[in-house]
Amino acid sequence: MLKPMKPLAATVIVSALCFSVPEANAEDAIEKAGVAVGVTLGNILFLPIKAIEVTVGAVSGAFSYVVTGNADLTKQIWRDTSEGPYVITPELARTSVGQRPELLESNKNGMQP
């Protein structure tokens, strides 16, 4: 009686494995590649601009102290120009872009973001 059940069970398991829908990981790979390219290109522009900003801020802060004698103003200029971020990270880019409605809709349909 057990012998006919084994082929049936094997057929059910193989059918379930063959006809199950795999998760769509291609979109995840494309999104990761897009984020990597965007962050790299963004940093190519951002890093020299940030270096110039820090340098100009240091000189401007020192000049403001010489002209006005106001140490608080100098500290504020230095703080504003020397604070990070110094590089664009994927987390920073996602935070800057905000919520993406197309990802929320795909989650409702059962797809992974």
C-alpha atoms as a PDB file:
ATOM      1  CA  MET A   1       0.000   0.000   0.000  1.00  0.00           C
ATOM      2  CA  LEU A   2       2.888   2.395   0.640  1.00  0.00           C
ATOM      3  CA  LYS A   3       4.614   1.783  -2.669  1.00  0.00           C
ATOM      4  CA  PRO A   4       2.021   3.614  -4.847  1.00  0.00           C
ATOM      5  CA  MET A   5       2.163   6.658  -2.505  1.00  0.00           C
ATOM      6  CA  LYS A   6       5.896   7.263  -3.014  1.00  0.00           C
ATOM      7  CA  PRO A   7       5.657   8.008  -6.762  1.00  0.00           C
ATOM      8  CA  LEU A   8       2.621  10.195  -6.158  1.00  0.00           C
ATOM      9  CA  ALA A   9       4.396  12.125  -3.402  1.00  0.00           C
ATOM     10  CA  ALA A  10       7.498  12.507  -5.557  1.00  0.00           C
ATOM     11  CA  THR A  11       5.373  13.763  -8.459  1.00  0.00           C
ATOM     12  CA  VAL A  12       3.664  16.327  -6.230  1.00  0.00           C
ATOM     13  CA  ILE A  13       6.972  17.579  -4.831  1.00  0.00           C
ATOM     14  CA  VAL A  14       8.628  17.832  -8.259  1.00  0.00           C
ATOM     15  CA  SER A  15       5.551  19.604  -9.672  1.00  0.00           C
ATOM     16  CA  ALA A  16       5.540  22.060  -6.797  1.00  0.00           C
ATOM     17  CA  LEU A  17       9.218  22.841  -7.306  1.00  0.00           C
ATOM     18  CA  CYS A  18       8.944  23.177 -11.082  1.00  0.00           C
ATOM     19  CA  PHE A  19       5.826  25.287 -11.214  1.00  0.00           C
ATOM     20  CA  SER A  20       6.400  27.547  -8.234  1.00  0.00           C
ATOM     21  CA  VAL A  21       7.044  31.186  -9.082  1.00  0.00           C
ATOM     22  CA  PRO A  22      10.543  32.311  -8.098  1.00  0.00           C
ATOM     23  CA  GLU A  23      11.037  35.743  -6.587  1.00  0.00           C
ATOM     24  CA  ALA A  24      11.985  38.463  -9.022  1.00  0.00           C
ATOM     25  CA  ASN A  25      15.581  39.194  -8.062  1.00  0.00           C
ATOM     26  CA  ALA A  26      16.445  40.796 -11.393  1.00  0.00           C
ATOM     27  CA  GLU A  27      14.891  44.093 -10.336  1.00  0.00           C
ATOM     28  CA  ASP A  28      16.899  44.053  -7.128  1.00  0.00           C
ATOM     29  CA  ALA A  29      20.136  43.588  -9.064  1.00  0.00           C
ATOM     30  CA  ILE A  30      19.216  46.350 -11.486  1.00  0.00           C
ATOM     31  CA  GLU A  31      18.323  48.686  -8.634  1.00  0.00           C
ATOM     32  CA  LYS A  32      21.573  47.916  -6.800  1.00  0.00           C
ATOM     33  CA  ALA A  33      23.581  48.546  -9.949  1.00  0.00           C
ATOM     34  CA  GLY A  34      21.730  51.813 -10.534  1.00  0.00           C
ATOM     35  CA  VAL A  35      22.369  52.950  -6.973  1.00  0.00           C
ATOM     36  CA  ALA A  36      26.063  52.060  -7.293  1.00  0.00           C
ATOM     37  CA  VAL A  37      26.419  54.004 -10.547  1.00  0.00           C
ATOM     38  CA  GLY A  38      24.486  56.978  -9.162  1.00  0.00           C
ATOM     39  CA  VAL A  39      26.479  57.116  -5.934  1.00  0.00           C
ATOM     40  CA  THR A  40      29.775  56.843  -7.822  1.00  0.00           C
ATOM     41  CA  LEU A  41      28.879  59.609 -10.268  1.00  0.00           C
ATOM     42  CA  GLY A  42      27.520  61.737  -7.442  1.00  0.00           C
ATOM     43  CA  ASN A  43      30.741  61.376  -5.472  1.00  0.00           C
ATOM     44  CA  ILE A  44      32.826  62.306  -8.515  1.00  0.00           C
ATOM     45  CA  LEU A  45      31.122  65.697  -8.411  1.00  0.00           C
ATOM     46  CA  PHE A  46      30.490  65.952  -4.668  1.00  0.00           C
ATOM     47  CA  LEU A  47      33.976  65.278  -3.283  1.00  0.00           C
ATOM     48  CA  PRO A  48      35.801  68.146  -5.059  1.00  0.00           C
ATOM     49  CA  ILE A  49      32.928  70.522  -4.294  1.00  0.00           C
ATOM     50  CA  LYS A  50      32.988  69.527  -0.607  1.00  0.00           C
ATOM     51  CA  ALA A  51      36.777  70.017  -0.481  1.00  0.00           C
ATOM     52  CA  ILE A  52      36.380  73.506  -1.958  1.00  0.00           C
ATOM     53  CA  GLU A  53      33.553  74.269   0.475  1.00  0.00           C
ATOM     54  CA  VAL A  54      35.609  73.257   3.515  1.00  0.00           C
ATOM     55  CA  THR A  55      38.608  75.284   2.321  1.00  0.00           C
ATOM     56  CA  VAL A  56      36.571  78.387   1.497  1.00  0.00           C
ATOM     57  CA  GLY A  57      34.695  78.025   4.808  1.00  0.00           C
ATOM     58  CA  ALA A  58      37.917  77.917   6.799  1.00  0.00           C
ATOM     59  CA  VAL A  59      39.264  81.003   5.031  1.00  0.00           C
ATOM     60  CA  SER A  60      35.922  82.839   5.294  1.00  0.00           C
ATOM     61  CA  GLY A  61      35.609  82.051   8.977  1.00  0.00           C
ATOM     62  CA  ALA A  62      39.091  83.350   9.664  1.00  0.00           C
ATOM     63  CA  PHE A  63      38.416  86.459   7.568  1.00  0.00           C
ATOM     64  CA  SER A  64      35.139  87.109   9.401  1.00  0.00           C
ATOM     65  CA  TYR A  65      36.981  87.007  12.717  1.00  0.00           C
ATOM     66  CA  VAL A  66      39.603  89.457  11.460  1.00  0.00           C
ATOM     67  CA  VAL A  67      36.934  91.852  10.150  1.00  0.00           C
ATOM     68  CA  THR A  68      34.277  91.597  12.889  1.00  0.00           C
ATOM     69  CA  GLY A  69      36.062  90.086  15.892  1.00  0.00           C
ATOM     70  CA  ASN A  70      32.966  87.928  16.469  1.00  0.00           C
ATOM     71  CA  ALA A  71      34.128  84.457  17.522  1.00  0.00           C
ATOM     72  CA  ASP A  72      30.585  83.053  17.495  1.00  0.00           C
ATOM     73  CA  LEU A  73      30.154  84.019  13.843  1.00  0.00           C
ATOM     74  CA  THR A  74      33.489  82.394  12.990  1.00  0.00           C
ATOM     75  CA  LYS A  75      32.544  79.175  14.787  1.00  0.00           C
ATOM     76  CA  GLN A  76      29.178  79.120  13.013  1.00  0.00           C
ATOM     77  CA  ILE A  77      30.818  79.500   9.588  1.00  0.00           C
ATOM     78  CA  TRP A  78      33.334  76.768  10.375  1.00  0.00           C
ATOM     79  CA  ARG A  79      30.629  74.460  11.729  1.00  0.00           C
ATOM     80  CA  ASP A  80      28.344  74.972   8.714  1.00  0.00           C
ATOM     81  CA  THR A  81      31.072  74.369   6.155  1.00  0.00           C
ATOM     82  CA  SER A  82      32.999  71.564   7.835  1.00  0.00           C
ATOM     83  CA  GLU A  83      30.111  69.290   8.855  1.00  0.00           C
ATOM     84  CA  GLY A  84      29.479  66.124   6.880  1.00  0.00           C
ATOM     85  CA  PRO A  85      28.470  64.306   4.907  1.00  0.00           C
ATOM     86  CA  TYR A  86      31.769  63.998   3.112  1.00  0.00           C
ATOM     87  CA  VAL A  87      30.693  61.235   0.729  1.00  0.00           C
ATOM     88  CA  ILE A  88      27.358  60.175  -0.702  1.00  0.00           C
ATOM     89  CA  THR A  89      26.312  56.755   0.569  1.00  0.00           C
ATOM     90  CA  PRO A  90      23.367  54.665  -0.674  1.00  0.00           C
ATOM     91  CA  GLU A  91      21.537  55.342   2.607  1.00  0.00           C
ATOM     92  CA  LEU A  92      22.056  59.091   2.213  1.00  0.00           C
ATOM     93  CA  ALA A  93      20.837  58.942  -1.376  1.00  0.00           C
ATOM     94  CA  ARG A  94      17.693  57.018  -0.375  1.00  0.00           C
ATOM     95  CA  THR A  95      17.012  59.487   2.434  1.00  0.00           C
ATOM     96  CA  SER A  96      17.461  62.422   0.060  1.00  0.00           C
ATOM     97  CA  VAL A  97      15.161  60.960  -2.571  1.00  0.00           C
ATOM     98  CA  GLY A  98      12.477  60.089  -0.034  1.00  0.00           C
ATOM     99  CA  GLN A  99       9.722  57.519  -0.372  1.00  0.00           C
ATOM    100  CA  ARG A 100       9.334  55.981  -3.823  1.00  0.00           C
ATOM    101  CA  PRO A 101       5.682  55.193  -4.583  1.00  0.00           C
ATOM    102  CA  GLU A 102       6.549  52.570  -7.195  1.00  0.00           C
ATOM    103  CA  LEU A 103       8.324  50.500  -4.540  1.00  0.00           C
ATOM    104  CA  LEU A 104       5.381  50.777  -2.174  1.00  0.00           C
ATOM    105  CA  GLU A 105       3.002  49.610  -4.917  1.00  0.00           C
ATOM    106  CA  SER A 106       5.216  46.633  -5.745  1.00  0.00           C
ATOM    107  CA  ASN A 107       5.206  45.633  -2.072  1.00  0.00           C
ATOM    108  CA  LYS A 108       1.414  45.608  -2.083  1.00  0.00           C
ATOM    109  CA  ASN A 109       1.482  43.269  -5.078  1.00  0.00           C
ATOM    110  CA  GLY A 110       3.709  40.836  -3.193  1.00  0.00           C
ATOM    111  CA  MET A 111       7.036  41.656  -4.838  1.00  0.00           C
ATOM    112  CA  GLN A 112      10.220  42.349  -2.951  1.00  0.00           C
ATOM    113  CA  PRO A 113      11.617  45.921  -3.181  1.00  0.00           C
END
